[in-house]
Structures are given as C-alpha cells and as structure tokens.
Amino acid sequence: MEARVDSSTSKNRLAVISSHFLVPSPAVLELSRVSASEVADLPANLRGFLTIVDNRTGKKIDVDVSEEGTIKATDLQK
C-alpha cells in the first residue's frame, strides 16, 4: 500500500533538497592572506603505516597508508 503525500509536503522536501545544491554567493566569501609565502612540497611517496590507539581499551592497530596518503575505510573496522 502506498502512502499519499500531499503537495505541501512534496514542495517542502523539494525545497530542502534544492537548498543543498545552491552555490553560495561570492560576496559571502572573504579573501584573506595566509602567513606562508611558499607551499611546502609533499614527498613523492606517502606510503607507510598509521598507528591508531583506542583510548577506551588501549588496543593499537596499524593501518596501511597508500602512496597517495590515503587509508581504506574497512581498515578502521578492525
């Protein structure tokens, strides 16, 4: 059985969804200077391990970090 949705509910839902796609006005963004005059170069290879410690249990896990500096979300489930 399908539930009926009245037009005002549909319009409200559409308004909420549409608001997520609105681009903010450029006037809202302010320019600011940064203190760094040069951008630091990242190493060519970011491969390695990240050690994560659960403060509740003290359990430590090592997560593999890729060459691009990313980790797999599934590794956080350990």
C-alpha atoms as a PDB file:
ATOM      1  CA  MET A   1       0.000   0.000   0.000  1.00  0.00           C
ATOM      2  CA  GLU A   2       1.398   3.373  -0.977  1.00  0.00           C
ATOM      3  CA  ALA A   3       1.191   6.325   1.385  1.00  0.00           C
ATOM      4  CA  ARG A   4      -0.200   9.530  -0.060  1.00  0.00           C
ATOM      5  CA  VAL A   5       1.986  12.589   0.209  1.00  0.00           C
ATOM      6  CA  ASP A   6       0.251  15.934  -0.063  1.00  0.00           C
ATOM      7  CA  SER A   7       1.642  18.637  -2.338  1.00  0.00           C
ATOM      8  CA  SER A   8       2.849  20.870   0.516  1.00  0.00           C
ATOM      9  CA  THR A   9       4.990  18.036   1.888  1.00  0.00           C
ATOM     10  CA  SER A  10       6.391  17.415  -1.576  1.00  0.00           C
ATOM     11  CA  LYS A  11       7.179  21.095  -2.039  1.00  0.00           C
ATOM     12  CA  ASN A  12       8.898  21.262   1.358  1.00  0.00           C
ATOM     13  CA  ARG A  13      11.018  18.212   0.576  1.00  0.00           C
ATOM     14  CA  LEU A  14      11.951  19.616  -2.817  1.00  0.00           C
ATOM     15  CA  ALA A  15      12.919  22.951  -1.233  1.00  0.00           C
ATOM     16  CA  VAL A  16      15.231  21.202   1.235  1.00  0.00           C
ATOM     17  CA  ILE A  17      16.872  19.113  -1.474  1.00  0.00           C
ATOM     18  CA  SER A  18      17.244  22.151  -3.749  1.00  0.00           C
ATOM     19  CA  SER A  19      18.919  24.141  -0.989  1.00  0.00           C
ATOM     20  CA  HIS A  20      21.722  21.566  -0.902  1.00  0.00           C
ATOM     21  CA  PHE A  21      22.613  22.419  -4.497  1.00  0.00           C
ATOM     22  CA  LEU A  22      22.642  26.196  -4.175  1.00  0.00           C
ATOM     23  CA  VAL A  23      26.012  27.826  -4.762  1.00  0.00           C
ATOM     24  CA  PRO A  24      26.914  30.347  -2.062  1.00  0.00           C
ATOM     25  CA  SER A  25      27.176  33.944  -3.151  1.00  0.00           C
ATOM     26  CA  PRO A  26      30.750  35.122  -3.834  1.00  0.00           C
ATOM     27  CA  ALA A  27      30.053  38.114  -1.569  1.00  0.00           C
ATOM     28  CA  VAL A  28      29.899  35.734   1.397  1.00  0.00           C
ATOM     29  CA  LEU A  29      33.468  34.565   0.843  1.00  0.00           C
ATOM     30  CA  GLU A  30      36.174  36.862   2.097  1.00  0.00           C
ATOM     31  CA  LEU A  31      39.715  36.935   0.820  1.00  0.00           C
ATOM     32  CA  SER A  32      42.428  36.509   3.396  1.00  0.00           C
ATOM     33  CA  ARG A  33      46.181  36.346   3.232  1.00  0.00           C
ATOM     34  CA  VAL A  34      47.992  33.352   4.573  1.00  0.00           C
ATOM     35  CA  SER A  35      51.210  33.577   6.510  1.00  0.00           C
ATOM     36  CA  ALA A  36      53.041  31.041   4.355  1.00  0.00           C
ATOM     37  CA  SER A  37      54.669  32.542   1.305  1.00  0.00           C
ATOM     38  CA  GLU A  38      55.526  29.181  -0.257  1.00  0.00           C
ATOM     39  CA  VAL A  39      53.650  25.928  -0.415  1.00  0.00           C
ATOM     40  CA  ALA A  40      55.578  23.002   1.023  1.00  0.00           C
ATOM     41  CA  ASP A  41      56.189  20.164  -1.406  1.00  0.00           C
ATOM     42  CA  LEU A  42      54.769  16.823  -0.375  1.00  0.00           C
ATOM     43  CA  PRO A  43      57.019  13.797  -0.586  1.00  0.00           C
ATOM     44  CA  ALA A  44      56.590  11.808  -3.789  1.00  0.00           C
ATOM     45  CA  ASN A  45      55.611   8.685  -1.840  1.00  0.00           C
ATOM     46  CA  LEU A  46      53.430   8.897   1.278  1.00  0.00           C
ATOM     47  CA  ARG A  47      53.338   5.113   1.774  1.00  0.00           C
ATOM     48  CA  GLY A  48      53.667   3.891   5.338  1.00  0.00           C
ATOM     49  CA  PHE A  49      51.665   2.924   8.405  1.00  0.00           C
ATOM     50  CA  LEU A  50      49.389   4.839  10.734  1.00  0.00           C
ATOM     51  CA  THR A  51      49.048   3.621  14.306  1.00  0.00           C
ATOM     52  CA  ILE A  52      45.610   4.130  15.829  1.00  0.00           C
ATOM     53  CA  VAL A  53      45.039   3.713  19.574  1.00  0.00           C
ATOM     54  CA  ASP A  54      41.592   3.092  21.082  1.00  0.00           C
ATOM     55  CA  ASN A  55      41.678   5.188  24.270  1.00  0.00           C
ATOM     56  CA  ARG A  56      38.927   3.089  25.838  1.00  0.00           C
ATOM     57  CA  THR A  57      40.674  -0.259  25.556  1.00  0.00           C
ATOM     58  CA  GLY A  58      44.279   0.664  24.807  1.00  0.00           C
ATOM     59  CA  LYS A  59      44.128  -1.537  21.694  1.00  0.00           C
ATOM     60  CA  LYS A  60      46.513  -0.436  18.935  1.00  0.00           C
ATOM     61  CA  ILE A  61      46.147  -1.177  15.237  1.00  0.00           C
ATOM     62  CA  ASP A  62      48.470  -0.361  12.357  1.00  0.00           C
ATOM     63  CA  VAL A  63      46.720   0.812   9.202  1.00  0.00           C
ATOM     64  CA  ASP A  64      48.441   0.708   5.820  1.00  0.00           C
ATOM     65  CA  VAL A  65      48.762   4.131   4.148  1.00  0.00           C
ATOM     66  CA  SER A  66      48.890   4.182   0.333  1.00  0.00           C
ATOM     67  CA  GLU A  67      51.401   6.059  -1.806  1.00  0.00           C
ATOM     68  CA  GLU A  68      48.812   8.845  -2.163  1.00  0.00           C
ATOM     69  CA  GLY A  69      48.434   9.156   1.629  1.00  0.00           C
ATOM     70  CA  THR A  70      45.021   7.500   1.920  1.00  0.00           C
ATOM     71  CA  ILE A  71      43.735   4.655   4.083  1.00  0.00           C
ATOM     72  CA  LYS A  72      40.963   2.136   3.468  1.00  0.00           C
ATOM     73  CA  ALA A  73      37.799   2.730   5.481  1.00  0.00           C
ATOM     74  CA  THR A  74      37.491  -1.013   6.027  1.00  0.00           C
ATOM     75  CA  ASP A  75      40.782  -0.931   7.962  1.00  0.00           C
ATOM     76  CA  LEU A  76      39.052   1.224  10.587  1.00  0.00           C
ATOM     77  CA  GLN A  77      36.627  -1.605  11.349  1.00  0.00           C
ATOM     78  CA  LYS A  78      39.378  -3.763  12.867  1.00  0.00           C
END
